[in-house]
C-alpha atoms as a PDB file:
ATOM      1  CA  UNK A   1     -46.465 -30.446  23.466  1.00  0.00           C
ATOM      2  CA  UNK A   2     -49.486 -28.789  21.908  1.00  0.00           C
ATOM      3  CA  UNK A   3     -50.581 -25.239  22.715  1.00  0.00           C
ATOM      4  CA  UNK A   4     -53.516 -23.066  21.729  1.00  0.00           C
ATOM      5  CA  UNK A   5     -52.870 -19.326  21.635  1.00  0.00           C
ATOM      6  CA  UNK A   6     -55.867 -17.037  21.364  1.00  0.00           C
ATOM      7  CA  UNK A   7     -57.130 -13.452  21.374  1.00  0.00           C
ATOM      8  CA  UNK A   8     -60.621 -12.112  21.846  1.00  0.00           C
ATOM      9  CA  UNK A   9     -61.086  -9.105  19.562  1.00  0.00           C
ATOM     10  CA  UNK A  10     -63.781  -6.720  20.736  1.00  0.00           C
ATOM     11  CA  UNK A  11     -62.560  -3.371  19.418  1.00  0.00           C
ATOM     12  CA  UNK A  12     -60.059  -2.297  16.767  1.00  0.00           C
ATOM     13  CA  UNK A  13     -56.630  -1.073  17.755  1.00  0.00           C
ATOM     14  CA  UNK A  14     -55.727   2.518  17.128  1.00  0.00           C
ATOM     15  CA  UNK A  15     -54.224   2.969  13.680  1.00  0.00           C
ATOM     16  CA  UNK A  16     -50.709   3.727  15.012  1.00  0.00           C
ATOM     17  CA  UNK A  17     -50.704   0.591  17.199  1.00  0.00           C
ATOM     18  CA  UNK A  18     -52.137  -1.535  14.403  1.00  0.00           C
ATOM     19  CA  UNK A  19     -49.414  -0.332  12.011  1.00  0.00           C
ATOM     20  CA  UNK A  20     -46.761  -0.920  14.667  1.00  0.00           C
ATOM     21  CA  UNK A  21     -47.802  -4.550  15.064  1.00  0.00           C
ATOM     22  CA  UNK A  22     -48.282  -4.992  11.328  1.00  0.00           C
ATOM     23  CA  UNK A  23     -44.664  -3.936  10.788  1.00  0.00           C
ATOM     24  CA  UNK A  24     -43.563  -7.072  12.679  1.00  0.00           C
ATOM     25  CA  UNK A  25     -44.707  -9.262   9.790  1.00  0.00           C
ATOM     26  CA  UNK A  26     -42.932  -9.937   6.489  1.00  0.00           C
ATOM     27  CA  UNK A  27     -43.681  -7.352   3.801  1.00  0.00           C
ATOM     28  CA  UNK A  28     -45.796  -9.681   1.636  1.00  0.00           C
ATOM     29  CA  UNK A  29     -48.006 -10.595   4.588  1.00  0.00           C
ATOM     30  CA  UNK A  30     -48.394  -6.927   5.482  1.00  0.00           C
ATOM     31  CA  UNK A  31     -49.641  -6.154   1.981  1.00  0.00           C
ATOM     32  CA  UNK A  32     -52.206  -8.960   2.077  1.00  0.00           C
ATOM     33  CA  UNK A  33     -53.585  -7.717   5.388  1.00  0.00           C
ATOM     34  CA  UNK A  34     -53.828  -4.130   4.110  1.00  0.00           C
ATOM     35  CA  UNK A  35     -56.162  -5.315   1.346  1.00  0.00           C
ATOM     36  CA  UNK A  36     -58.913  -6.388   3.760  1.00  0.00           C
ATOM     37  CA  UNK A  37     -61.848  -3.973   3.691  1.00  0.00           C
ATOM     38  CA  UNK A  38     -63.275  -4.900   7.106  1.00  0.00           C
ATOM     39  CA  UNK A  39     -61.171  -4.068  10.150  1.00  0.00           C
ATOM     40  CA  UNK A  40     -62.320  -7.326  11.754  1.00  0.00           C
ATOM     41  CA  UNK A  41     -60.744  -9.382   8.940  1.00  0.00           C
ATOM     42  CA  UNK A  42     -57.532  -7.357   8.966  1.00  0.00           C
ATOM     43  CA  UNK A  43     -57.200  -7.688  12.738  1.00  0.00           C
ATOM     44  CA  UNK A  44     -57.968 -11.427  12.685  1.00  0.00           C
ATOM     45  CA  UNK A  45     -55.296 -12.027  10.055  1.00  0.00           C
ATOM     46  CA  UNK A  46     -52.736  -9.914  11.915  1.00  0.00           C
ATOM     47  CA  UNK A  47     -53.405 -11.450  15.301  1.00  0.00           C
ATOM     48  CA  UNK A  48     -53.336 -14.972  13.901  1.00  0.00           C
ATOM     49  CA  UNK A  49     -49.804 -14.376  12.598  1.00  0.00           C
ATOM     50  CA  UNK A  50     -48.723 -12.739  15.863  1.00  0.00           C
ATOM     51  CA  UNK A  51     -50.011 -15.733  17.813  1.00  0.00           C
ATOM     52  CA  UNK A  52     -48.035 -18.060  15.544  1.00  0.00           C
ATOM     53  CA  UNK A  53     -44.963 -15.881  16.047  1.00  0.00           C
ATOM     54  CA  UNK A  54     -45.407 -16.097  19.826  1.00  0.00           C
ATOM     55  CA  UNK A  55     -45.884 -19.865  19.654  1.00  0.00           C
ATOM     56  CA  UNK A  56     -42.718 -20.409  17.649  1.00  0.00           C
ATOM     57  CA  UNK A  57     -40.815 -18.317  20.182  1.00  0.00           C
ATOM     58  CA  UNK A  58     -42.232 -20.303  23.116  1.00  0.00           C
ATOM     59  CA  UNK A  59     -41.410 -23.596  21.414  1.00  0.00           C
ATOM     60  CA  UNK A  60     -37.843 -22.459  20.854  1.00  0.00           C
ATOM     61  CA  UNK A  61     -38.133 -22.782  17.088  1.00  0.00           C
ATOM     62  CA  UNK A  62     -35.982 -20.347  15.128  1.00  0.00           C
ATOM     63  CA  UNK A  63     -38.233 -19.933  12.092  1.00  0.00           C
ATOM     64  CA  UNK A  64     -39.255 -16.620  10.573  1.00  0.00           C
ATOM     65  CA  UNK A  65     -42.786 -16.115   9.294  1.00  0.00           C
ATOM     66  CA  UNK A  66     -41.402 -15.456   5.827  1.00  0.00           C
ATOM     67  CA  UNK A  67     -40.456 -19.141   5.756  1.00  0.00           C
ATOM     68  CA  UNK A  68     -44.110 -20.208   5.619  1.00  0.00           C
ATOM     69  CA  UNK A  69     -44.799 -22.383   2.567  1.00  0.00           C
ATOM     70  CA  UNK A  70     -48.172 -23.246   1.010  1.00  0.00           C
ATOM     71  CA  UNK A  71     -49.280 -26.495  -0.578  1.00  0.00           C
ATOM     72  CA  UNK A  72     -51.275 -26.666  -3.816  1.00  0.00           C
ATOM     73  CA  UNK A  73     -54.517 -26.076  -1.872  1.00  0.00           C
ATOM     74  CA  UNK A  74     -53.195 -23.111   0.108  1.00  0.00           C
ATOM     75  CA  UNK A  75     -52.471 -24.842   3.425  1.00  0.00           C
ATOM     76  CA  UNK A  76     -49.558 -23.150   5.224  1.00  0.00           C
ATOM     77  CA  UNK A  77     -46.693 -25.204   6.614  1.00  0.00           C
ATOM     78  CA  UNK A  78     -43.005 -25.095   7.467  1.00  0.00           C
ATOM     79  CA  UNK A  79     -40.455 -27.266   5.697  1.00  0.00           C
ATOM     80  CA  UNK A  80     -38.642 -30.038   7.608  1.00  0.00           C
ATOM     81  CA  UNK A  81     -41.763 -30.730   9.719  1.00  0.00           C
ATOM     82  CA  UNK A  82     -40.382 -28.974  12.803  1.00  0.00           C
ATOM     83  CA  UNK A  83     -43.848 -28.034  14.024  1.00  0.00           C
ATOM     84  CA  UNK A  84     -47.474 -28.287  12.976  1.00  0.00           C
ATOM     85  CA  UNK A  85     -49.766 -25.269  13.178  1.00  0.00           C
ATOM     86  CA  UNK A  86     -53.145 -23.984  12.071  1.00  0.00           C
ATOM     87  CA  UNK A  87     -55.055 -20.724  12.536  1.00  0.00           C
ATOM     88  CA  UNK A  88     -58.791 -20.121  12.913  1.00  0.00           C
ATOM     89  CA  UNK A  89     -61.081 -17.194  13.630  1.00  0.00           C
ATOM     90  CA  UNK A  90     -64.794 -16.683  14.132  1.00  0.00           C
ATOM     91  CA  UNK A  91     -66.562 -13.654  15.555  1.00  0.00           C
ATOM     92  CA  UNK A  92     -64.270 -12.115  18.156  1.00  0.00           C
ATOM     93  CA  UNK A  93     -62.159 -15.277  18.598  1.00  0.00           C
ATOM     94  CA  UNK A  94     -58.771 -15.776  16.916  1.00  0.00           C
ATOM     95  CA  UNK A  95     -56.788 -18.916  17.692  1.00  0.00           C
ATOM     96  CA  UNK A  96     -53.557 -20.603  16.619  1.00  0.00           C
ATOM     97  CA  UNK A  97     -52.835 -24.234  17.446  1.00  0.00           C
ATOM     98  CA  UNK A  98     -49.168 -25.240  17.399  1.00  0.00           C
ATOM     99  CA  UNK A  99     -47.684 -28.663  18.136  1.00  0.00           C
ATOM    100  CA  UNK A 100     -44.450 -30.615  18.063  1.00  0.00           C
ATOM    101  CA  UNK A 101     -46.391 -33.823  18.749  1.00  0.00           C
ATOM    102  CA  UNK A 102     -47.765 -33.916  15.205  1.00  0.00           C
ATOM    103  CA  UNK A 103     -47.387 -31.855  12.046  1.00  0.00           C
ATOM    104  CA  UNK A 104     -50.816 -32.905  10.744  1.00  0.00           C
ATOM    105  CA  UNK A 105     -53.144 -30.739  12.780  1.00  0.00           C
ATOM    106  CA  UNK A 106     -56.138 -28.497  12.167  1.00  0.00           C
ATOM    107  CA  UNK A 107     -58.383 -26.299  14.288  1.00  0.00           C
ATOM    108  CA  UNK A 108     -61.815 -24.812  13.721  1.00  0.00           C
ATOM    109  CA  UNK A 109     -63.769 -22.418  15.924  1.00  0.00           C
ATOM    110  CA  UNK A 110     -67.325 -21.249  15.367  1.00  0.00           C
ATOM    111  CA  UNK A 111     -69.323 -18.699  17.312  1.00  0.00           C
ATOM    112  CA  UNK A 112     -72.747 -20.205  18.003  1.00  0.00           C
ATOM    113  CA  UNK A 113     -75.506 -18.571  15.955  1.00  0.00           C
ATOM    114  CA  UNK A 114     -79.110 -19.584  15.463  1.00  0.00           C
ATOM    115  CA  UNK A 115     -79.696 -21.389  12.157  1.00  0.00           C
ATOM    116  CA  UNK A 116     -82.021 -23.897  10.531  1.00  0.00           C
ATOM    117  CA  UNK A 117     -80.194 -27.225  10.830  1.00  0.00           C
ATOM    118  CA  UNK A 118     -82.434 -28.759   8.141  1.00  0.00           C
ATOM    119  CA  UNK A 119     -80.575 -26.673   5.555  1.00  0.00           C
ATOM    120  CA  UNK A 120     -77.413 -28.668   6.310  1.00  0.00           C
ATOM    121  CA  UNK A 121     -78.828 -32.211   6.420  1.00  0.00           C
ATOM    122  CA  UNK A 122     -76.799 -33.460   3.439  1.00  0.00           C
ATOM    123  CA  UNK A 123     -73.507 -32.755   5.228  1.00  0.00           C
ATOM    124  CA  UNK A 124     -73.972 -35.458   7.855  1.00  0.00           C
ATOM    125  CA  UNK A 125     -73.705 -39.217   8.108  1.00  0.00           C
ATOM    126  CA  UNK A 126     -76.757 -41.004   9.515  1.00  0.00           C
ATOM    127  CA  UNK A 127     -75.410 -41.318  13.071  1.00  0.00           C
ATOM    128  CA  UNK A 128     -74.397 -37.649  13.099  1.00  0.00           C
ATOM    129  CA  UNK A 129     -77.741 -36.417  11.814  1.00  0.00           C
ATOM    130  CA  UNK A 130     -79.645 -38.435  14.400  1.00  0.00           C
ATOM    131  CA  UNK A 131     -77.481 -36.965  17.156  1.00  0.00           C
ATOM    132  CA  UNK A 132     -77.914 -33.424  15.828  1.00  0.00           C
ATOM    133  CA  UNK A 133     -81.705 -33.654  15.494  1.00  0.00           C
ATOM    134  CA  UNK A 134     -82.101 -35.088  18.991  1.00  0.00           C
ATOM    135  CA  UNK A 135     -79.949 -32.495  20.728  1.00  0.00           C
ATOM    136  CA  UNK A 136     -79.351 -28.766  20.893  1.00  0.00           C
ATOM    137  CA  UNK A 137     -77.516 -26.445  18.539  1.00  0.00           C
ATOM    138  CA  UNK A 138     -74.180 -27.036  20.299  1.00  0.00           C
ATOM    139  CA  UNK A 139     -74.143 -30.575  18.887  1.00  0.00           C
ATOM    140  CA  UNK A 140     -74.496 -29.230  15.343  1.00  0.00           C
ATOM    141  CA  UNK A 141     -71.469 -27.031  15.894  1.00  0.00           C
ATOM    142  CA  UNK A 142     -69.552 -29.873  17.545  1.00  0.00           C
ATOM    143  CA  UNK A 143     -69.782 -31.925  14.370  1.00  0.00           C
ATOM    144  CA  UNK A 144     -69.259 -28.918  12.109  1.00  0.00           C
ATOM    145  CA  UNK A 145     -66.040 -27.787  13.805  1.00  0.00           C
ATOM    146  CA  UNK A 146     -64.751 -31.355  14.100  1.00  0.00           C
ATOM    147  CA  UNK A 147     -65.153 -31.934  10.369  1.00  0.00           C
ATOM    148  CA  UNK A 148     -63.761 -28.545   9.418  1.00  0.00           C
ATOM    149  CA  UNK A 149     -60.740 -29.203  11.655  1.00  0.00           C
ATOM    150  CA  UNK A 150     -60.157 -32.505   9.822  1.00  0.00           C
ATOM    151  CA  UNK A 151     -60.392 -30.752   6.447  1.00  0.00           C
ATOM    152  CA  UNK A 152     -57.853 -28.176   7.606  1.00  0.00           C
ATOM    153  CA  UNK A 153     -55.534 -30.870   8.992  1.00  0.00           C
ATOM    154  CA  UNK A 154     -55.590 -32.741   5.678  1.00  0.00           C
ATOM    155  CA  UNK A 155     -54.997 -29.499   3.822  1.00  0.00           C
ATOM    156  CA  UNK A 156     -56.939 -30.151   0.625  1.00  0.00           C
ATOM    157  CA  UNK A 157     -59.553 -27.464   1.087  1.00  0.00           C
ATOM    158  CA  UNK A 158     -62.864 -27.612  -0.774  1.00  0.00           C
ATOM    159  CA  UNK A 159     -61.874 -30.814  -2.575  1.00  0.00           C
ATOM    160  CA  UNK A 160     -63.137 -32.630   0.538  1.00  0.00           C
ATOM    161  CA  UNK A 161     -66.859 -32.643   1.309  1.00  0.00           C
ATOM    162  CA  UNK A 162     -67.927 -32.711   4.951  1.00  0.00           C
ATOM    163  CA  UNK A 163     -70.174 -35.726   4.323  1.00  0.00           C
ATOM    164  CA  UNK A 164     -67.078 -37.779   3.451  1.00  0.00           C
ATOM    165  CA  UNK A 165     -65.980 -37.491   7.085  1.00  0.00           C
ATOM    166  CA  UNK A 166     -67.650 -39.569   9.790  1.00  0.00           C
ATOM    167  CA  UNK A 167     -67.280 -38.373  13.370  1.00  0.00           C
ATOM    168  CA  UNK A 168     -67.999 -40.802  16.197  1.00  0.00           C
ATOM    169  CA  UNK A 169     -67.183 -39.571  19.695  1.00  0.00           C
ATOM    170  CA  UNK A 170     -63.594 -38.309  19.499  1.00  0.00           C
ATOM    171  CA  UNK A 171     -62.560 -40.097  16.304  1.00  0.00           C
ATOM    172  CA  UNK A 172     -63.084 -38.982  12.712  1.00  0.00           C
ATOM    173  CA  UNK A 173     -62.676 -41.258   9.709  1.00  0.00           C
ATOM    174  CA  UNK A 174     -62.333 -40.354   6.058  1.00  0.00           C
ATOM    175  CA  UNK A 175     -61.703 -43.306   3.789  1.00  0.00           C
ATOM    176  CA  UNK A 176     -58.952 -45.362   5.441  1.00  0.00           C
ATOM    177  CA  UNK A 177     -57.615 -42.378   7.372  1.00  0.00           C
ATOM    178  CA  UNK A 178     -58.251 -41.769  11.089  1.00  0.00           C
ATOM    179  CA  UNK A 179     -58.042 -38.424  12.878  1.00  0.00           C
ATOM    180  CA  UNK A 180     -58.355 -37.743  16.581  1.00  0.00           C
ATOM    181  CA  UNK A 181     -60.673 -34.962  17.759  1.00  0.00           C
ATOM    182  CA  UNK A 182     -59.896 -32.868  20.836  1.00  0.00           C
ATOM    183  CA  UNK A 183     -62.521 -30.442  22.110  1.00  0.00           C
ATOM    184  CA  UNK A 184     -61.357 -27.194  23.700  1.00  0.00           C
ATOM    185  CA  UNK A 185     -64.064 -26.009  26.074  1.00  0.00           C
ATOM    186  CA  UNK A 186     -63.244 -22.387  26.936  1.00  0.00           C
ATOM    187  CA  UNK A 187     -66.248 -20.199  26.150  1.00  0.00           C
ATOM    188  CA  UNK A 188     -70.010 -20.890  26.142  1.00  0.00           C
ATOM    189  CA  UNK A 189     -70.461 -18.973  22.874  1.00  0.00           C
ATOM    190  CA  UNK A 190     -67.589 -20.573  20.888  1.00  0.00           C
ATOM    191  CA  UNK A 191     -67.240 -24.231  19.888  1.00  0.00           C
ATOM    192  CA  UNK A 192     -63.602 -25.210  19.256  1.00  0.00           C
ATOM    193  CA  UNK A 193     -62.277 -28.548  18.034  1.00  0.00           C
ATOM    194  CA  UNK A 194     -58.810 -29.726  17.048  1.00  0.00           C
ATOM    195  CA  UNK A 195     -58.122 -32.619  14.660  1.00  0.00           C
ATOM    196  CA  UNK A 196     -54.773 -34.379  14.568  1.00  0.00           C
ATOM    197  CA  UNK A 197     -53.248 -37.416  12.913  1.00  0.00           C
ATOM    198  CA  UNK A 198     -51.647 -38.469  16.197  1.00  0.00           C
ATOM    199  CA  UNK A 199     -53.225 -38.184  19.627  1.00  0.00           C
ATOM    200  CA  UNK A 200     -51.946 -35.035  21.300  1.00  0.00           C
ATOM    201  CA  UNK A 201     -53.087 -35.256  24.924  1.00  0.00           C
ATOM    202  CA  UNK A 202     -53.794 -32.112  26.923  1.00  0.00           C
ATOM    203  CA  UNK A 203     -53.633 -28.758  25.172  1.00  0.00           C
ATOM    204  CA  UNK A 204     -51.955 -25.841  26.942  1.00  0.00           C
ATOM    205  CA  UNK A 205     -54.135 -22.728  26.665  1.00  0.00           C
ATOM    206  CA  UNK A 206     -52.426 -19.337  26.328  1.00  0.00           C
ATOM    207  CA  UNK A 207     -54.803 -16.391  26.168  1.00  0.00           C
ATOM    208  CA  UNK A 208     -54.081 -12.732  25.491  1.00  0.00           C
ATOM    209  CA  UNK A 209     -56.236  -9.687  26.157  1.00  0.00           C
ATOM    210  CA  UNK A 210     -55.514  -7.438  23.209  1.00  0.00           C
ATOM    211  CA  UNK A 211     -55.811  -4.053  24.826  1.00  0.00           C
ATOM    212  CA  UNK A 212     -53.712  -5.024  27.850  1.00  0.00           C
ATOM    213  CA  UNK A 213     -51.032  -7.254  26.364  1.00  0.00           C
ATOM    214  CA  UNK A 214     -50.278  -6.456  22.747  1.00  0.00           C
ATOM    215  CA  UNK A 215     -47.702  -3.890  23.750  1.00  0.00           C
ATOM    216  CA  UNK A 216     -46.469  -5.810  26.791  1.00  0.00           C
ATOM    217  CA  UNK A 217     -46.550  -9.517  26.034  1.00  0.00           C
ATOM    218  CA  UNK A 218     -43.326  -9.790  24.080  1.00  0.00           C
ATOM    219  CA  UNK A 219     -45.032 -10.562  20.789  1.00  0.00           C
ATOM    220  CA  UNK A 220     -42.366  -8.817  18.733  1.00  0.00           C
END
């Protein structure tokens, strides 16, 4: 099973409620979140961890967030490969993908903004660039989020350039490696793609409205 948990953040929580939810995280994670200067970044980091916490609970996995490990490039994971997960945020969207179908999984979401696609030409393979130039901005973001999701699934960060990854329909290739791309079509203003080493089938969507559910949803 693979599930996507998400929040839409439109306004900050009151300070008492924010601190209440922050106290649910391990002390080291609390301190990292407190260092963010922008409330949007602090909230995104907090909610991403709360979504992961909820997902672990729903999957029946007895792991505490203080058991998160990090590889040499900073990718988070749990030992023993009990579950794969990845967190993303852009604009007001925060999402956490969690799966027991594969432990090699990544997600990327991008809020659509106007930009000059010519500035990014060197990131694309020939077939991708032709598709981007002949279509609308959504196609640019489709390729962007697909490639970023692959990078996050691999977990080697900036050591991988986007032009090393070729995306064709729902398959991405980098060297001899193949990753499967799954689009999550939820909002007209957000492009979301998931990359996984194994095909994952349908993704269960679990959304939370922050103001209505943070104190009621059982995310404790």
